[in-house]
mmCIF file of all heavy atoms, coordinates in Angstrom:
data_MODEL
# 
_entry.id   MODEL 
# 
loop_
_atom_site.group_PDB 
_atom_site.id 
_atom_site.type_symbol 
_atom_site.label_atom_id 
_atom_site.label_alt_id 
_atom_site.label_comp_id 
_atom_site.label_asym_id 
_atom_site.label_entity_id 
_atom_site.label_seq_id 
_atom_site.pdbx_PDB_ins_code 
_atom_site.Cartn_x 
_atom_site.Cartn_y 
_atom_site.Cartn_z 
_atom_site.occupancy 
_atom_site.B_iso_or_equiv 
_atom_site.pdbx_formal_charge 
_atom_site.auth_seq_id 
_atom_site.auth_comp_id 
_atom_site.auth_asym_id 
_atom_site.auth_atom_id 
_atom_site.pdbx_PDB_model_num 
ATOM 1   N N   . SER A 1 1  ? 110.687 273.147 168.969 1.00 0.00 ? 1  SER A N   1 
ATOM 2   C CA  . SER A 1 1  ? 109.332 273.119 169.499 1.00 0.00 ? 1  SER A CA  1 
ATOM 3   C C   . SER A 1 1  ? 108.902 271.785 170.091 1.00 0.00 ? 1  SER A C   1 
ATOM 4   O O   . SER A 1 1  ? 108.291 271.701 171.077 1.00 0.00 ? 1  SER A O   1 
ATOM 5   C CB  . SER A 1 1  ? 108.301 273.450 168.341 1.00 0.00 ? 1  SER A CB  1 
ATOM 6   O OG  . SER A 1 1  ? 108.544 274.833 167.898 1.00 0.00 ? 1  SER A OG  1 
ATOM 7   N N   . TYR A 1 2  ? 109.439 270.714 169.432 1.00 0.00 ? 2  TYR A N   1 
ATOM 8   C CA  . TYR A 1 2  ? 109.225 269.348 170.039 1.00 0.00 ? 2  TYR A CA  1 
ATOM 9   C C   . TYR A 1 2  ? 109.891 269.197 171.378 1.00 0.00 ? 2  TYR A C   1 
ATOM 10  O O   . TYR A 1 2  ? 109.256 268.657 172.253 1.00 0.00 ? 2  TYR A O   1 
ATOM 11  C CB  . TYR A 1 2  ? 109.728 268.284 169.064 1.00 0.00 ? 2  TYR A CB  1 
ATOM 12  C CG  . TYR A 1 2  ? 109.009 268.070 167.725 1.00 0.00 ? 2  TYR A CG  1 
ATOM 13  C CD1 . TYR A 1 2  ? 109.574 267.551 166.599 1.00 0.00 ? 2  TYR A CD1 1 
ATOM 14  C CD2 . TYR A 1 2  ? 107.655 268.404 167.689 1.00 0.00 ? 2  TYR A CD2 1 
ATOM 15  C CE1 . TYR A 1 2  ? 108.864 267.329 165.512 1.00 0.00 ? 2  TYR A CE1 1 
ATOM 16  C CE2 . TYR A 1 2  ? 106.914 268.221 166.531 1.00 0.00 ? 2  TYR A CE2 1 
ATOM 17  C CZ  . TYR A 1 2  ? 107.525 267.709 165.412 1.00 0.00 ? 2  TYR A CZ  1 
ATOM 18  O OH  . TYR A 1 2  ? 106.859 267.509 164.304 1.00 0.00 ? 2  TYR A OH  1 
ATOM 19  N N   . LEU A 1 3  ? 111.115 269.681 171.497 1.00 0.00 ? 3  LEU A N   1 
ATOM 20  C CA  . LEU A 1 3  ? 111.829 269.589 172.772 1.00 0.00 ? 3  LEU A CA  1 
ATOM 21  C C   . LEU A 1 3  ? 111.139 270.423 173.801 1.00 0.00 ? 3  LEU A C   1 
ATOM 22  O O   . LEU A 1 3  ? 110.966 269.967 174.996 1.00 0.00 ? 3  LEU A O   1 
ATOM 23  C CB  . LEU A 1 3  ? 113.240 270.034 172.570 1.00 0.00 ? 3  LEU A CB  1 
ATOM 24  C CG  . LEU A 1 3  ? 114.118 269.912 173.866 1.00 0.00 ? 3  LEU A CG  1 
ATOM 25  C CD1 . LEU A 1 3  ? 114.225 268.555 174.370 1.00 0.00 ? 3  LEU A CD1 1 
ATOM 26  C CD2 . LEU A 1 3  ? 115.538 270.474 173.541 1.00 0.00 ? 3  LEU A CD2 1 
ATOM 27  N N   . LEU A 1 4  ? 110.731 271.640 173.447 1.00 0.00 ? 4  LEU A N   1 
ATOM 28  C CA  . LEU A 1 4  ? 110.092 272.473 174.408 1.00 0.00 ? 4  LEU A CA  1 
ATOM 29  C C   . LEU A 1 4  ? 108.751 271.897 174.915 1.00 0.00 ? 4  LEU A C   1 
ATOM 30  O O   . LEU A 1 4  ? 108.468 272.012 176.101 1.00 0.00 ? 4  LEU A O   1 
ATOM 31  C CB  . LEU A 1 4  ? 109.770 273.833 173.834 1.00 0.00 ? 4  LEU A CB  1 
ATOM 32  C CG  . LEU A 1 4  ? 109.090 274.924 174.661 1.00 0.00 ? 4  LEU A CG  1 
ATOM 33  C CD1 . LEU A 1 4  ? 109.899 275.275 175.858 1.00 0.00 ? 4  LEU A CD1 1 
ATOM 34  C CD2 . LEU A 1 4  ? 108.779 276.222 173.801 1.00 0.00 ? 4  LEU A CD2 1 
ATOM 35  N N   . MET A 1 5  ? 107.991 271.228 174.020 1.00 0.00 ? 5  MET A N   1 
ATOM 36  C CA  . MET A 1 5  ? 106.743 270.684 174.372 1.00 0.00 ? 5  MET A CA  1 
ATOM 37  C C   . MET A 1 5  ? 107.094 269.448 175.380 1.00 0.00 ? 5  MET A C   1 
ATOM 38  O O   . MET A 1 5  ? 106.304 269.308 176.370 1.00 0.00 ? 5  MET A O   1 
ATOM 39  C CB  . MET A 1 5  ? 105.997 270.127 173.208 1.00 0.00 ? 5  MET A CB  1 
ATOM 40  C CG  . MET A 1 5  ? 104.655 269.445 173.581 1.00 0.00 ? 5  MET A CG  1 
ATOM 41  S SD  . MET A 1 5  ? 103.447 270.599 174.252 1.00 0.00 ? 5  MET A SD  1 
ATOM 42  C CE  . MET A 1 5  ? 102.760 271.278 172.725 1.00 0.00 ? 5  MET A CE  1 
ATOM 43  N N   . ALA A 1 6  ? 108.029 268.718 175.074 1.00 0.00 ? 6  ALA A N   1 
ATOM 44  C CA  . ALA A 1 6  ? 108.357 267.530 175.940 1.00 0.00 ? 6  ALA A CA  1 
ATOM 45  C C   . ALA A 1 6  ? 108.701 267.958 177.298 1.00 0.00 ? 6  ALA A C   1 
ATOM 46  O O   . ALA A 1 6  ? 108.268 267.395 178.283 1.00 0.00 ? 6  ALA A O   1 
ATOM 47  C CB  . ALA A 1 6  ? 109.488 266.669 175.255 1.00 0.00 ? 6  ALA A CB  1 
ATOM 48  N N   . VAL A 1 7  ? 109.662 268.927 177.459 1.00 0.00 ? 7  VAL A N   1 
ATOM 49  C CA  . VAL A 1 7  ? 110.115 269.389 178.707 1.00 0.00 ? 7  VAL A CA  1 
ATOM 50  C C   . VAL A 1 7  ? 109.028 270.176 179.532 1.00 0.00 ? 7  VAL A C   1 
ATOM 51  O O   . VAL A 1 7  ? 108.832 269.842 180.677 1.00 0.00 ? 7  VAL A O   1 
ATOM 52  C CB  . VAL A 1 7  ? 111.339 270.290 178.540 1.00 0.00 ? 7  VAL A CB  1 
ATOM 53  C CG1 . VAL A 1 7  ? 111.815 270.871 179.873 1.00 0.00 ? 7  VAL A CG1 1 
ATOM 54  C CG2 . VAL A 1 7  ? 112.523 269.464 177.905 1.00 0.00 ? 7  VAL A CG2 1 
ATOM 55  N N   . SER A 1 8  ? 108.277 271.061 178.773 1.00 0.00 ? 8  SER A N   1 
ATOM 56  C CA  . SER A 1 8  ? 107.213 271.829 179.585 1.00 0.00 ? 8  SER A CA  1 
ATOM 57  C C   . SER A 1 8  ? 106.094 270.853 179.998 1.00 0.00 ? 8  SER A C   1 
ATOM 58  O O   . SER A 1 8  ? 105.566 271.026 181.093 1.00 0.00 ? 8  SER A O   1 
ATOM 59  C CB  . SER A 1 8  ? 106.689 272.871 178.575 1.00 0.00 ? 8  SER A CB  1 
ATOM 60  O OG  . SER A 1 8  ? 107.687 273.803 178.241 1.00 0.00 ? 8  SER A OG  1 
ATOM 61  N N   . GLY A 1 9  ? 105.753 269.886 179.165 1.00 0.00 ? 9  GLY A N   1 
ATOM 62  C CA  . GLY A 1 9  ? 104.646 268.992 179.511 1.00 0.00 ? 9  GLY A CA  1 
ATOM 63  C C   . GLY A 1 9  ? 105.097 268.128 180.705 1.00 0.00 ? 9  GLY A C   1 
ATOM 64  O O   . GLY A 1 9  ? 104.294 267.905 181.611 1.00 0.00 ? 9  GLY A O   1 
ATOM 65  N N   . THR A 1 10 ? 106.355 267.689 180.669 1.00 0.00 ? 10 THR A N   1 
ATOM 66  C CA  . THR A 1 10 ? 106.878 266.862 181.795 1.00 0.00 ? 10 THR A CA  1 
ATOM 67  C C   . THR A 1 10 ? 106.853 267.702 183.124 1.00 0.00 ? 10 THR A C   1 
ATOM 68  O O   . THR A 1 10 ? 106.433 267.206 184.230 1.00 0.00 ? 10 THR A O   1 
ATOM 69  C CB  . THR A 1 10 ? 108.245 266.396 181.542 1.00 0.00 ? 10 THR A CB  1 
ATOM 70  O OG1 . THR A 1 10 ? 108.290 265.571 180.378 1.00 0.00 ? 10 THR A OG1 1 
ATOM 71  C CG2 . THR A 1 10 ? 108.735 265.500 182.703 1.00 0.00 ? 10 THR A CG2 1 
ATOM 72  N N   . CYS A 1 11 ? 107.273 268.918 183.048 1.00 0.00 ? 11 CYS A N   1 
ATOM 73  C CA  . CYS A 1 11 ? 107.308 269.817 184.178 1.00 0.00 ? 11 CYS A CA  1 
ATOM 74  C C   . CYS A 1 11 ? 105.883 270.084 184.679 1.00 0.00 ? 11 CYS A C   1 
ATOM 75  O O   . CYS A 1 11 ? 105.628 270.202 185.889 1.00 0.00 ? 11 CYS A O   1 
ATOM 76  C CB  . CYS A 1 11 ? 108.055 271.037 183.898 1.00 0.00 ? 11 CYS A CB  1 
ATOM 77  S SG  . CYS A 1 11 ? 109.856 270.877 183.629 1.00 0.00 ? 11 CYS A SG  1 
ATOM 78  N N   . THR A 1 12 ? 104.922 270.233 183.736 1.00 0.00 ? 12 THR A N   1 
ATOM 79  C CA  . THR A 1 12 ? 103.602 270.476 184.136 1.00 0.00 ? 12 THR A CA  1 
ATOM 80  C C   . THR A 1 12 ? 103.081 269.324 184.984 1.00 0.00 ? 12 THR A C   1 
ATOM 81  O O   . THR A 1 12 ? 102.318 269.566 185.975 1.00 0.00 ? 12 THR A O   1 
ATOM 82  C CB  . THR A 1 12 ? 102.697 270.620 182.879 1.00 0.00 ? 12 THR A CB  1 
ATOM 83  O OG1 . THR A 1 12 ? 103.150 271.745 182.077 1.00 0.00 ? 12 THR A OG1 1 
ATOM 84  C CG2 . THR A 1 12 ? 101.205 270.829 183.243 1.00 0.00 ? 12 THR A CG2 1 
ATOM 85  N N   . ALA A 1 13 ? 103.294 268.135 184.568 1.00 0.00 ? 13 ALA A N   1 
ATOM 86  C CA  . ALA A 1 13 ? 102.897 266.989 185.373 1.00 0.00 ? 13 ALA A CA  1 
ATOM 87  C C   . ALA A 1 13 ? 103.349 266.829 186.781 1.00 0.00 ? 13 ALA A C   1 
ATOM 88  O O   . ALA A 1 13 ? 102.692 266.350 187.648 1.00 0.00 ? 13 ALA A O   1 
ATOM 89  C CB  . ALA A 1 13 ? 103.383 265.705 184.578 1.00 0.00 ? 13 ALA A CB  1 
ATOM 90  N N   . PHE A 1 14 ? 104.596 267.547 187.020 1.00 0.00 ? 14 PHE A N   1 
ATOM 91  C CA  . PHE A 1 14 ? 105.086 267.439 188.324 1.00 0.00 ? 14 PHE A CA  1 
ATOM 92  C C   . PHE A 1 14 ? 104.993 268.737 189.104 1.00 0.00 ? 14 PHE A C   1 
ATOM 93  O O   . PHE A 1 14 ? 105.709 269.000 190.091 1.00 0.00 ? 14 PHE A O   1 
ATOM 94  C CB  . PHE A 1 14 ? 106.556 267.054 188.297 1.00 0.00 ? 14 PHE A CB  1 
ATOM 95  C CG  . PHE A 1 14 ? 106.799 265.608 187.848 1.00 0.00 ? 14 PHE A CG  1 
ATOM 96  C CD1 . PHE A 1 14 ? 107.136 265.287 186.491 1.00 0.00 ? 14 PHE A CD1 1 
ATOM 97  C CD2 . PHE A 1 14 ? 106.615 264.585 188.720 1.00 0.00 ? 14 PHE A CD2 1 
ATOM 98  C CE1 . PHE A 1 14 ? 107.319 264.004 186.143 1.00 0.00 ? 14 PHE A CE1 1 
ATOM 99  C CE2 . PHE A 1 14 ? 106.791 263.267 188.308 1.00 0.00 ? 14 PHE A CE2 1 
ATOM 100 C CZ  . PHE A 1 14 ? 107.126 262.956 186.997 1.00 0.00 ? 14 PHE A CZ  1 
ATOM 101 N N   . SER A 1 15 ? 104.119 269.678 188.614 1.00 0.00 ? 15 SER A N   1 
ATOM 102 C CA  . SER A 1 15 ? 103.924 270.944 189.260 1.00 0.00 ? 15 SER A CA  1 
ATOM 103 C C   . SER A 1 15 ? 103.425 270.835 190.627 1.00 0.00 ? 15 SER A C   1 
ATOM 104 O O   . SER A 1 15 ? 102.542 270.046 190.975 1.00 0.00 ? 15 SER A O   1 
ATOM 105 C CB  . SER A 1 15 ? 102.900 271.815 188.449 1.00 0.00 ? 15 SER A CB  1 
ATOM 106 O OG  . SER A 1 15 ? 103.381 272.034 187.165 1.00 0.00 ? 15 SER A OG  1 
ATOM 107 N N   . SER A 1 16 ? 103.996 271.610 191.573 1.00 0.00 ? 16 SER A N   1 
ATOM 108 C CA  . SER A 1 16 ? 103.590 271.509 193.008 1.00 0.00 ? 16 SER A CA  1 
ATOM 109 C C   . SER A 1 16 ? 102.606 272.645 193.368 1.00 0.00 ? 16 SER A C   1 
ATOM 110 O O   . SER A 1 16 ? 102.165 272.671 194.506 1.00 0.00 ? 16 SER A O   1 
ATOM 111 C CB  . SER A 1 16 ? 104.888 271.637 193.830 1.00 0.00 ? 16 SER A CB  1 
ATOM 112 O OG  . SER A 1 16 ? 105.552 272.875 193.594 1.00 0.00 ? 16 SER A OG  1 
ATOM 113 N N   . SER A 1 17 ? 102.344 273.559 192.434 1.00 0.00 ? 17 SER A N   1 
ATOM 114 C CA  . SER A 1 17 ? 101.314 274.657 192.753 1.00 0.00 ? 17 SER A CA  1 
ATOM 115 C C   . SER A 1 17 ? 100.670 275.018 191.393 1.00 0.00 ? 17 SER A C   1 
ATOM 116 O O   . SER A 1 17 ? 101.125 274.732 190.325 1.00 0.00 ? 17 SER A O   1 
ATOM 117 C CB  . SER A 1 17 ? 102.027 275.871 193.407 1.00 0.00 ? 17 SER A CB  1 
ATOM 118 O OG  . SER A 1 17 ? 102.970 276.452 192.416 1.00 0.00 ? 17 SER A OG  1 
ATOM 119 N N   . PHE A 1 18 ? 99.609  275.711 191.650 1.00 0.00 ? 18 PHE A N   1 
ATOM 120 C CA  . PHE A 1 18 ? 98.846  276.219 190.451 1.00 0.00 ? 18 PHE A CA  1 
ATOM 121 C C   . PHE A 1 18 ? 99.705  277.207 189.612 1.00 0.00 ? 18 PHE A C   1 
ATOM 122 O O   . PHE A 1 18 ? 99.620  277.267 188.401 1.00 0.00 ? 18 PHE A O   1 
ATOM 123 C CB  . PHE A 1 18 ? 97.513  276.836 190.873 1.00 0.00 ? 18 PHE A CB  1 
ATOM 124 C CG  . PHE A 1 18 ? 96.663  277.271 189.705 1.00 0.00 ? 18 PHE A CG  1 
ATOM 125 C CD1 . PHE A 1 18 ? 96.055  276.463 188.805 1.00 0.00 ? 18 PHE A CD1 1 
ATOM 126 C CD2 . PHE A 1 18 ? 96.482  278.689 189.496 1.00 0.00 ? 18 PHE A CD2 1 
ATOM 127 C CE1 . PHE A 1 18 ? 95.319  276.856 187.710 1.00 0.00 ? 18 PHE A CE1 1 
ATOM 128 C CE2 . PHE A 1 18 ? 95.672  279.131 188.415 1.00 0.00 ? 18 PHE A CE2 1 
ATOM 129 C CZ  . PHE A 1 18 ? 95.175  278.222 187.576 1.00 0.00 ? 18 PHE A CZ  1 
ATOM 130 N N   . SER A 1 19 ? 100.454 278.003 190.298 1.00 0.00 ? 19 SER A N   1 
ATOM 131 C CA  . SER A 1 19 ? 101.347 278.951 189.613 1.00 0.00 ? 19 SER A CA  1 
ATOM 132 C C   . SER A 1 19 ? 102.321 278.322 188.719 1.00 0.00 ? 19 SER A C   1 
ATOM 133 O O   . SER A 1 19 ? 102.488 278.705 187.541 1.00 0.00 ? 19 SER A O   1 
ATOM 134 C CB  . SER A 1 19 ? 102.061 279.969 190.640 1.00 0.00 ? 19 SER A CB  1 
ATOM 135 O OG  . SER A 1 19 ? 101.064 280.590 191.409 1.00 0.00 ? 19 SER A OG  1 
ATOM 136 N N   . LEU A 1 20 ? 102.986 277.245 189.235 1.00 0.00 ? 20 LEU A N   1 
ATOM 137 C CA  . LEU A 1 20 ? 103.941 276.565 188.413 1.00 0.00 ? 20 LEU A CA  1 
ATOM 138 C C   . LEU A 1 20 ? 103.175 275.798 187.233 1.00 0.00 ? 20 LEU A C   1 
ATOM 139 O O   . LEU A 1 20 ? 103.760 275.748 186.114 1.00 0.00 ? 20 LEU A O   1 
ATOM 140 C CB  . LEU A 1 20 ? 104.674 275.529 189.238 1.00 0.00 ? 20 LEU A CB  1 
ATOM 141 C CG  . LEU A 1 20 ? 105.755 276.121 190.169 1.00 0.00 ? 20 LEU A CG  1 
ATOM 142 C CD1 . LEU A 1 20 ? 106.358 274.974 191.104 1.00 0.00 ? 20 LEU A CD1 1 
ATOM 143 C CD2 . LEU A 1 20 ? 106.880 276.817 189.423 1.00 0.00 ? 20 LEU A CD2 1 
ATOM 144 N N   . PHE A 1 21 ? 102.025 275.305 187.486 1.00 0.00 ? 21 PHE A N   1 
ATOM 145 C CA  . PHE A 1 21 ? 101.223 274.663 186.529 1.00 0.00 ? 21 PHE A CA  1 
ATOM 146 C C   . PHE A 1 21 ? 100.966 275.583 185.396 1.00 0.00 ? 21 PHE A C   1 
ATOM 147 O O   . PHE A 1 21 ? 101.126 275.273 184.133 1.00 0.00 ? 21 PHE A O   1 
ATOM 148 C CB  . PHE A 1 21 ? 99.897  274.218 187.057 1.00 0.00 ? 21 PHE A CB  1 
ATOM 149 C CG  . PHE A 1 21 ? 98.917  273.606 186.106 1.00 0.00 ? 21 PHE A CG  1 
ATOM 150 C CD1 . PHE A 1 21 ? 98.868  272.367 185.645 1.00 0.00 ? 21 PHE A CD1 1 
ATOM 151 C CD2 . PHE A 1 21 ? 97.899  274.507 185.518 1.00 0.00 ? 21 PHE A CD2 1 
ATOM 152 C CE1 . PHE A 1 21 ? 97.985  271.852 184.757 1.00 0.00 ? 21 PHE A CE1 1 
ATOM 153 C CE2 . PHE A 1 21 ? 97.006  274.041 184.659 1.00 0.00 ? 21 PHE A CE2 1 
ATOM 154 C CZ  . PHE A 1 21 ? 97.029  272.737 184.272 1.00 0.00 ? 21 PHE A CZ  1 
ATOM 155 N N   . CYS A 1 22 ? 100.529 276.821 185.700 1.00 0.00 ? 22 CYS A N   1 
ATOM 156 C CA  . CYS A 1 22 ? 100.374 277.836 184.588 1.00 0.00 ? 22 CYS A CA  1 
ATOM 157 C C   . CYS A 1 22 ? 101.603 278.116 183.891 1.00 0.00 ? 22 CYS A C   1 
ATOM 158 O O   . CYS A 1 22 ? 101.610 278.392 182.635 1.00 0.00 ? 22 CYS A O   1 
ATOM 159 C CB  . CYS A 1 22 ? 99.629  279.083 185.325 1.00 0.00 ? 22 CYS A CB  1 
ATOM 160 S SG  . CYS A 1 22 ? 98.024  278.864 185.791 1.00 0.00 ? 22 CYS A SG  1 
ATOM 161 N N   . LEU A 1 23 ? 102.712 278.251 184.601 1.00 0.00 ? 23 LEU A N   1 
ATOM 162 C CA  . LEU A 1 23 ? 104.019 278.659 183.927 1.00 0.00 ? 23 LEU A CA  1 
ATOM 163 C C   . LEU A 1 23 ? 104.366 277.590 182.874 1.00 0.00 ? 23 LEU A C   1 
ATOM 164 O O   . LEU A 1 23 ? 104.762 277.930 181.745 1.00 0.00 ? 23 LEU A O   1 
ATOM 165 C CB  . LEU A 1 23 ? 105.012 278.819 184.970 1.00 0.00 ? 23 LEU A CB  1 
ATOM 166 C CG  . LEU A 1 23 ? 106.501 279.025 184.460 1.00 0.00 ? 23 LEU A CG  1 
ATOM 167 C CD1 . LEU A 1 23 ? 106.565 280.365 183.741 1.00 0.00 ? 23 LEU A CD1 1 
ATOM 168 C CD2 . LEU A 1 23 ? 107.535 279.007 185.659 1.00 0.00 ? 23 LEU A CD2 1 
ATOM 169 N N   . PHE A 1 24 ? 104.268 276.382 183.262 1.00 0.00 ? 24 PHE A N   1 
ATOM 170 C CA  . PHE A 1 24 ? 104.732 275.336 182.353 1.00 0.00 ? 24 PHE A CA  1 
ATOM 171 C C   . PHE A 1 24 ? 103.712 275.082 181.236 1.00 0.00 ? 24 PHE A C   1 
ATOM 172 O O   . PHE A 1 24 ? 104.116 274.649 180.131 1.00 0.00 ? 24 PHE A O   1 
ATOM 173 C CB  . PHE A 1 24 ? 105.039 274.002 183.138 1.00 0.00 ? 24 PHE A CB  1 
ATOM 174 C CG  . PHE A 1 24 ? 106.163 274.112 184.065 1.00 0.00 ? 24 PHE A CG  1 
ATOM 175 C CD1 . PHE A 1 24 ? 106.040 273.765 185.371 1.00 0.00 ? 24 PHE A CD1 1 
ATOM 176 C CD2 . PHE A 1 24 ? 107.396 274.562 183.576 1.00 0.00 ? 24 PHE A CD2 1 
ATOM 177 C CE1 . PHE A 1 24 ? 107.065 273.850 186.240 1.00 0.00 ? 24 PHE A CE1 1 
ATOM 178 C CE2 . PHE A 1 24 ? 108.464 274.607 184.449 1.00 0.00 ? 24 PHE A CE2 1 
ATOM 179 C CZ  . PHE A 1 24 ? 108.350 274.290 185.837 1.00 0.00 ? 24 PHE A CZ  1 
ATOM 180 N N   . ARG A 1 25 ? 102.399 275.282 181.549 1.00 0.00 ? 25 ARG A N   1 
ATOM 181 C CA  . ARG A 1 25 ? 101.464 275.236 180.466 1.00 0.00 ? 25 ARG A CA  1 
ATOM 182 C C   . ARG A 1 25 ? 101.629 276.374 179.377 1.00 0.00 ? 25 ARG A C   1 
ATOM 183 O O   . ARG A 1 25 ? 101.377 276.154 178.269 1.00 0.00 ? 25 ARG A O   1 
ATOM 184 C CB  . ARG A 1 25 ? 100.025 275.357 181.118 1.00 0.00 ? 25 ARG A CB  1 
ATOM 185 C CG  . ARG A 1 25 ? 99.565  274.100 181.714 1.00 0.00 ? 25 ARG A CG  1 
ATOM 186 C CD  . ARG A 1 25 ? 99.211  273.006 180.673 1.00 0.00 ? 25 ARG A CD  1 
ATOM 187 N NE  . ARG A 1 25 ? 97.930  273.280 179.999 1.00 0.00 ? 25 ARG A NE  1 
ATOM 188 C CZ  . ARG A 1 25 ? 97.556  272.656 178.920 1.00 0.00 ? 25 ARG A CZ  1 
ATOM 189 N NH1 . ARG A 1 25 ? 98.340  271.760 178.285 1.00 0.00 ? 25 ARG A NH1 1 
ATOM 190 N NH2 . ARG A 1 25 ? 96.355  272.942 178.353 1.00 0.00 ? 25 ARG A NH2 1 
ATOM 191 N N   . PHE A 1 26 ? 102.064 277.549 179.874 1.00 0.00 ? 26 PHE A N   1 
ATOM 192 C CA  . PHE A 1 26 ? 102.447 278.543 179.039 1.00 0.00 ? 26 PHE A CA  1 
ATOM 193 C C   . PHE A 1 26 ? 103.592 278.105 178.070 1.00 0.00 ? 26 PHE A C   1 
ATOM 194 O O   . PHE A 1 26 ? 103.465 278.370 176.755 1.00 0.00 ? 26 PHE A O   1 
ATOM 195 C CB  . PHE A 1 26 ? 102.951 279.872 179.818 1.00 0.00 ? 26 PHE A CB  1 
ATOM 196 C CG  . PHE A 1 26 ? 103.179 281.082 178.990 1.00 0.00 ? 26 PHE A CG  1 
ATOM 197 C CD1 . PHE A 1 26 ? 102.199 281.929 178.722 1.00 0.00 ? 26 PHE A CD1 1 
ATOM 198 C CD2 . PHE A 1 26 ? 104.461 281.235 178.523 1.00 0.00 ? 26 PHE A CD2 1 
ATOM 199 C CE1 . PHE A 1 26 ? 102.467 283.093 177.916 1.00 0.00 ? 26 PHE A CE1 1 
ATOM 200 C CE2 . PHE A 1 26 ? 104.744 282.420 177.772 1.00 0.00 ? 26 PHE A CE2 1 
ATOM 201 C CZ  . PHE A 1 26 ? 103.675 283.305 177.491 1.00 0.00 ? 26 PHE A CZ  1 
ATOM 202 N N   . GLY A 1 27 ? 104.489 277.386 178.550 1.00 0.00 ? 27 GLY A N   1 
ATOM 203 C CA  . GLY A 1 27 ? 105.548 276.865 177.658 1.00 0.00 ? 27 GLY A CA  1 
ATOM 204 C C   . GLY A 1 27 ? 104.912 275.829 176.646 1.00 0.00 ? 27 GLY A C   1 
ATOM 205 O O   . GLY A 1 27 ? 105.401 275.873 175.492 1.00 0.00 ? 27 GLY A O   1 
ATOM 206 N N   . CYS A 1 28 ? 104.128 275.055 177.160 1.00 0.00 ? 28 CYS A N   1 
ATOM 207 C CA  . CYS A 1 28 ? 103.390 274.049 176.185 1.00 0.00 ? 28 CYS A CA  1 
ATOM 208 C C   . CYS A 1 28 ? 102.717 274.858 175.070 1.00 0.00 ? 28 CYS A C   1 
ATOM 209 O O   . CYS A 1 28 ? 102.716 274.347 173.862 1.00 0.00 ? 28 CYS A O   1 
ATOM 210 C CB  . CYS A 1 28 ? 102.414 273.202 177.017 1.00 0.00 ? 28 CYS A CB  1 
ATOM 211 S SG  . CYS A 1 28 ? 103.168 271.964 178.067 1.00 0.00 ? 28 CYS A SG  1 
# 
């Protein structure tokens, strides 16, 4: 869970669209 939060949060910060933002926030 710690690893998933770290990776998903990092990807969220670099999201290029709202759809990707939602996808990675789902992972968070």
